[in-house]
Protein backbone atom coordinates (compact mmCIF):
# COMPACT_ATOMS: atom_id res chain seq x y z
CA UNK A 1 -0.04 -0.24 -0.39
CA UNK A 2 1.50 3.64 -1.02
CA UNK A 3 2.06 6.12 2.04
CA UNK A 4 2.13 9.67 1.55
CA UNK A 5 3.66 11.62 4.85
CA UNK A 6 3.78 15.36 5.13
CA UNK A 7 6.29 16.96 7.53
CA UNK A 8 7.00 20.92 8.13
CA UNK A 9 4.00 22.70 8.62
CA UNK A 10 3.31 24.56 11.56
CA UNK A 11 2.97 28.09 12.57
CA UNK A 12 4.84 31.70 11.34
CA UNK A 13 4.31 35.19 11.18
CA UNK A 14 2.76 37.30 7.99
CA UNK A 15 6.22 36.85 5.41
CA UNK A 16 7.86 33.92 7.12
CA UNK A 17 9.16 30.97 4.76
CA UNK A 18 8.17 26.96 5.75
CA UNK A 19 8.88 23.49 3.63
CA UNK A 20 6.25 20.98 3.18
CA UNK A 21 8.26 17.92 2.31
CA UNK A 22 5.43 14.98 1.25
CA UNK A 23 7.32 11.27 1.80
CA UNK A 24 6.15 8.56 -0.74
CA UNK A 25 6.32 4.46 0.33
CA UNK A 26 7.90 3.92 -3.30
CA UNK A 27 9.15 5.42 -5.34
CA UNK A 28 7.78 8.65 -6.76
CA UNK A 29 9.24 8.22 -10.47
CA UNK A 30 6.09 5.97 -10.82
CA UNK A 31 3.55 9.34 -10.08
CA UNK A 32 2.80 10.68 -13.15
CA UNK A 33 1.67 13.37 -11.60
CA UNK A 34 1.97 15.27 -7.80
CA UNK A 35 0.34 17.45 -6.73
CA UNK A 36 -0.44 19.58 -2.96
CA UNK A 37 -4.20 20.84 -2.09
CA UNK A 38 -4.84 22.78 0.82
CA UNK A 39 -9.01 23.12 2.77
CA UNK A 40 -9.67 25.42 5.77
CA UNK A 41 -12.87 24.58 7.49
CA UNK A 42 -15.97 25.02 5.68
CA UNK A 43 -14.58 25.80 2.35
CA UNK A 44 -13.33 23.02 -0.43
CA UNK A 45 -10.49 21.65 -0.95
CA UNK A 46 -7.95 23.89 -3.24
CA UNK A 47 -5.57 22.92 -5.79
CA UNK A 48 -2.14 25.20 -5.08
CA UNK A 49 0.43 23.36 -7.11
CA UNK A 50 1.13 20.59 -9.52
CA UNK A 51 4.31 18.96 -10.99
CA UNK A 52 4.44 16.41 -13.56
CA UNK A 53 6.69 13.33 -13.72
CA UNK A 54 8.38 15.37 -16.89
CA UNK A 55 9.15 18.25 -14.39
CA UNK A 56 6.39 20.11 -15.65
CA UNK A 57 4.84 22.68 -13.36
CA UNK A 58 2.52 24.40 -12.68
CA UNK A 59 0.89 26.71 -10.03
CA UNK A 60 -2.73 29.07 -9.27
CA UNK A 61 -2.19 32.81 -9.86
CA UNK A 62 -2.68 32.66 -5.20
CA UNK A 63 1.17 31.62 -4.64
CA UNK A 64 3.22 32.38 -8.33
CA UNK A 65 5.82 34.23 -7.08
CA UNK A 66 5.95 33.20 -3.76
CA UNK A 67 5.56 29.02 -3.41
CA UNK A 68 7.72 26.32 -5.68
CA UNK A 69 6.70 22.37 -6.15
CA UNK A 70 9.23 20.23 -6.98
CA UNK A 71 10.12 16.63 -6.76
CA UNK A 72 13.57 15.12 -6.21
CA UNK A 73 13.38 11.30 -7.39
CA UNK A 74 16.63 9.85 -6.10
CA UNK A 75 14.95 10.79 -2.28
CA UNK A 76 11.66 9.44 -2.93
CA UNK A 77 10.62 13.52 -1.55
CA UNK A 78 8.10 16.02 -3.29
CA UNK A 79 8.33 19.28 -2.05
CA UNK A 80 6.54 22.30 -1.31
CA UNK A 81 8.72 25.68 -0.74
CA UNK A 82 6.71 29.38 0.23
CA UNK A 83 7.82 32.19 0.96
CA UNK A 84 6.13 35.20 1.84
CA UNK A 85 3.53 34.12 3.51
CA UNK A 86 0.01 35.52 4.11
CA UNK A 87 -2.59 35.11 6.66
CA UNK A 88 -4.43 33.52 4.05
CA UNK A 89 -2.39 30.67 3.37
CA UNK A 90 -3.86 29.24 6.96
CA UNK A 91 -4.65 25.75 5.53
CA UNK A 92 -4.38 22.20 6.80
CA UNK A 93 -1.74 21.26 2.76
CA UNK A 94 -1.55 18.18 1.21
CA UNK A 95 0.21 16.02 -1.07
CA UNK A 96 -1.39 13.87 -3.26
CA UNK A 97 -0.20 11.75 -6.47
CA UNK A 98 -1.65 10.08 -9.01
CA UNK A 99 -0.31 7.53 -11.03
CA UNK A 100 -2.13 6.04 -14.22
CA UNK A 101 -4.88 4.60 -14.96
CA UNK A 102 -6.13 5.62 -12.12
CA UNK A 103 -4.28 5.19 -9.19
CA UNK A 104 -4.64 7.86 -6.21
CA UNK A 105 -3.26 8.23 -2.94
CA UNK A 106 -3.56 11.41 -0.59
CA UNK A 107 -0.87 11.98 2.60
CA UNK A 108 -2.94 12.55 5.72
CA UNK A 109 -2.03 16.75 5.85
CA UNK A 110 -0.07 18.95 7.93
CA UNK A 111 -0.83 22.51 9.46
CA UNK A 112 0.24 25.29 8.35
CA UNK A 113 -1.29 28.76 10.77
CA UNK A 114 0.33 32.47 9.46
CA UNK A 115 -0.34 34.91 12.25
CA UNK A 116 -0.78 38.62 10.81
């Protein structure tokens, strides 16, 4: 069974930085796409950034220039570098992995809290 484990969340002041990690229990080179999502209470889960097995990345407009998604296949880990954090970035961040044709996996989530 595939496991994804996030780490790196915490409490940070506005303008600060955090780096989230998502460690997989198997080689992430088998995943066609990986992503970071976030969710706050009462709101729908929001896709934050994606990265393909070829390394192509996409970030939502609200985090462009501040967040960077990356993956290290040798370490079986995906990252989300978050800089210039804002209070509205406060959420539970979860990692996601997709393996064609239909396998999808989720991590348990890590809390990020940005104080003003």
